N, C-alpha and C. Protein backbone atom coordinates (compact mmCIF):
# COMPACT_ATOMS: atom_id res chain seq x y z
N MET A 1 0.31 -40.01 65.84
CA MET A 1 1.21 -39.13 66.53
C MET A 1 2.23 -38.51 65.57
N ILE A 2 2.64 -39.24 64.53
CA ILE A 2 3.61 -38.68 63.59
C ILE A 2 2.99 -38.35 62.24
N LYS A 3 1.68 -38.44 62.14
CA LYS A 3 0.99 -38.18 60.87
C LYS A 3 1.26 -36.76 60.40
N GLY A 4 1.77 -36.64 59.17
CA GLY A 4 2.04 -35.35 58.58
C GLY A 4 3.34 -34.69 59.00
N LYS A 5 4.11 -35.34 59.86
CA LYS A 5 5.38 -34.77 60.31
C LYS A 5 6.53 -35.27 59.44
N ASN A 6 7.59 -34.46 59.32
CA ASN A 6 8.78 -34.84 58.57
C ASN A 6 9.70 -35.66 59.47
N ILE A 7 10.19 -36.77 58.94
CA ILE A 7 10.97 -37.71 59.73
C ILE A 7 12.32 -37.96 59.06
N ILE A 8 13.38 -37.98 59.86
CA ILE A 8 14.72 -38.38 59.42
C ILE A 8 15.00 -39.73 60.05
N ILE A 9 15.39 -40.70 59.23
CA ILE A 9 15.60 -42.07 59.70
C ILE A 9 17.07 -42.44 59.57
N VAL A 10 17.67 -42.92 60.66
CA VAL A 10 19.02 -43.47 60.65
C VAL A 10 18.92 -44.90 61.18
N GLY A 11 19.02 -45.86 60.26
CA GLY A 11 18.99 -47.26 60.65
C GLY A 11 20.39 -47.79 60.87
N GLU A 12 20.48 -49.00 61.37
CA GLU A 12 21.78 -49.62 61.62
C GLU A 12 21.84 -50.96 60.89
N ARG A 13 22.97 -51.24 60.30
CA ARG A 13 23.14 -52.46 59.51
C ARG A 13 22.93 -53.72 60.35
N ASP A 14 23.45 -53.76 61.56
CA ASP A 14 23.32 -54.94 62.41
C ASP A 14 22.09 -54.90 63.31
N GLY A 15 21.37 -53.80 63.28
CA GLY A 15 20.16 -53.64 64.10
C GLY A 15 18.94 -53.57 63.19
N VAL A 16 18.20 -52.49 63.31
CA VAL A 16 17.01 -52.29 62.48
C VAL A 16 17.41 -51.40 61.30
N PRO A 17 17.31 -51.92 60.07
CA PRO A 17 17.71 -51.13 58.90
C PRO A 17 16.72 -50.00 58.59
N GLY A 18 17.21 -48.99 57.90
CA GLY A 18 16.39 -47.83 57.55
C GLY A 18 15.10 -48.17 56.83
N PRO A 19 15.10 -49.05 55.80
CA PRO A 19 13.85 -49.35 55.10
C PRO A 19 12.77 -49.96 55.99
N ALA A 20 13.16 -50.71 57.00
CA ALA A 20 12.17 -51.29 57.91
C ALA A 20 11.52 -50.18 58.75
N ILE A 21 12.32 -49.24 59.21
CA ILE A 21 11.78 -48.11 59.97
C ILE A 21 10.91 -47.26 59.07
N ALA A 22 11.36 -47.07 57.82
CA ALA A 22 10.60 -46.26 56.86
C ALA A 22 9.22 -46.85 56.60
N ALA A 23 9.13 -48.15 56.51
CA ALA A 23 7.84 -48.80 56.27
C ALA A 23 6.87 -48.50 57.43
N CYS A 24 7.38 -48.52 58.64
CA CYS A 24 6.54 -48.21 59.81
C CYS A 24 6.12 -46.74 59.81
N VAL A 25 7.05 -45.87 59.48
CA VAL A 25 6.74 -44.43 59.46
C VAL A 25 5.70 -44.12 58.39
N MET A 26 5.86 -44.71 57.21
CA MET A 26 4.89 -44.47 56.13
C MET A 26 3.52 -45.01 56.50
N ALA A 27 3.48 -46.16 57.16
CA ALA A 27 2.20 -46.73 57.59
C ALA A 27 1.50 -45.84 58.61
N ALA A 28 2.29 -45.12 59.40
CA ALA A 28 1.73 -44.22 60.41
C ALA A 28 1.42 -42.83 59.85
N GLY A 29 1.76 -42.60 58.58
CA GLY A 29 1.42 -41.32 57.94
C GLY A 29 2.50 -40.27 57.99
N GLY A 30 3.72 -40.63 58.35
CA GLY A 30 4.81 -39.67 58.40
C GLY A 30 5.44 -39.44 57.04
N ASN A 31 6.09 -38.28 56.87
CA ASN A 31 6.79 -37.95 55.63
C ASN A 31 8.28 -38.16 55.84
N ILE A 32 8.88 -39.03 55.05
CA ILE A 32 10.31 -39.31 55.18
C ILE A 32 11.08 -38.31 54.33
N VAL A 33 11.94 -37.52 54.97
CA VAL A 33 12.74 -36.54 54.25
C VAL A 33 14.16 -37.04 54.02
N PHE A 34 14.62 -37.98 54.85
CA PHE A 34 15.96 -38.56 54.68
C PHE A 34 15.98 -39.91 55.34
N MET A 35 16.60 -40.89 54.66
CA MET A 35 16.71 -42.23 55.23
C MET A 35 18.07 -42.80 54.86
N THR A 36 18.73 -43.42 55.81
CA THR A 36 19.99 -44.09 55.56
C THR A 36 20.15 -45.26 56.51
N THR A 37 21.00 -46.18 56.11
CA THR A 37 21.38 -47.31 56.97
C THR A 37 22.90 -47.24 57.11
N GLU A 38 23.38 -47.11 58.31
CA GLU A 38 24.80 -46.96 58.59
C GLU A 38 25.36 -48.17 59.31
N CYS A 39 26.67 -48.29 59.32
CA CYS A 39 27.36 -49.34 60.04
C CYS A 39 28.16 -48.69 61.16
N PHE A 40 27.78 -48.91 62.40
CA PHE A 40 28.44 -48.31 63.55
C PHE A 40 29.38 -49.32 64.19
N VAL A 41 30.51 -49.56 63.55
CA VAL A 41 31.48 -50.52 64.07
C VAL A 41 32.70 -49.78 64.54
C-alpha cells in the first residue's frame, strides 16, 4: 500500500520512536523523506 510513496515520520520519545516506524516503512517499500523523534510533554 505504501510501496514507492514518500513518507514523513514523526515518532514520540515515550511512544513509538521514529527509527522503529522507519524500519516498518522501509520493509513495506516506502521512501522516507524525513524522520524525527520528538518529546510531546
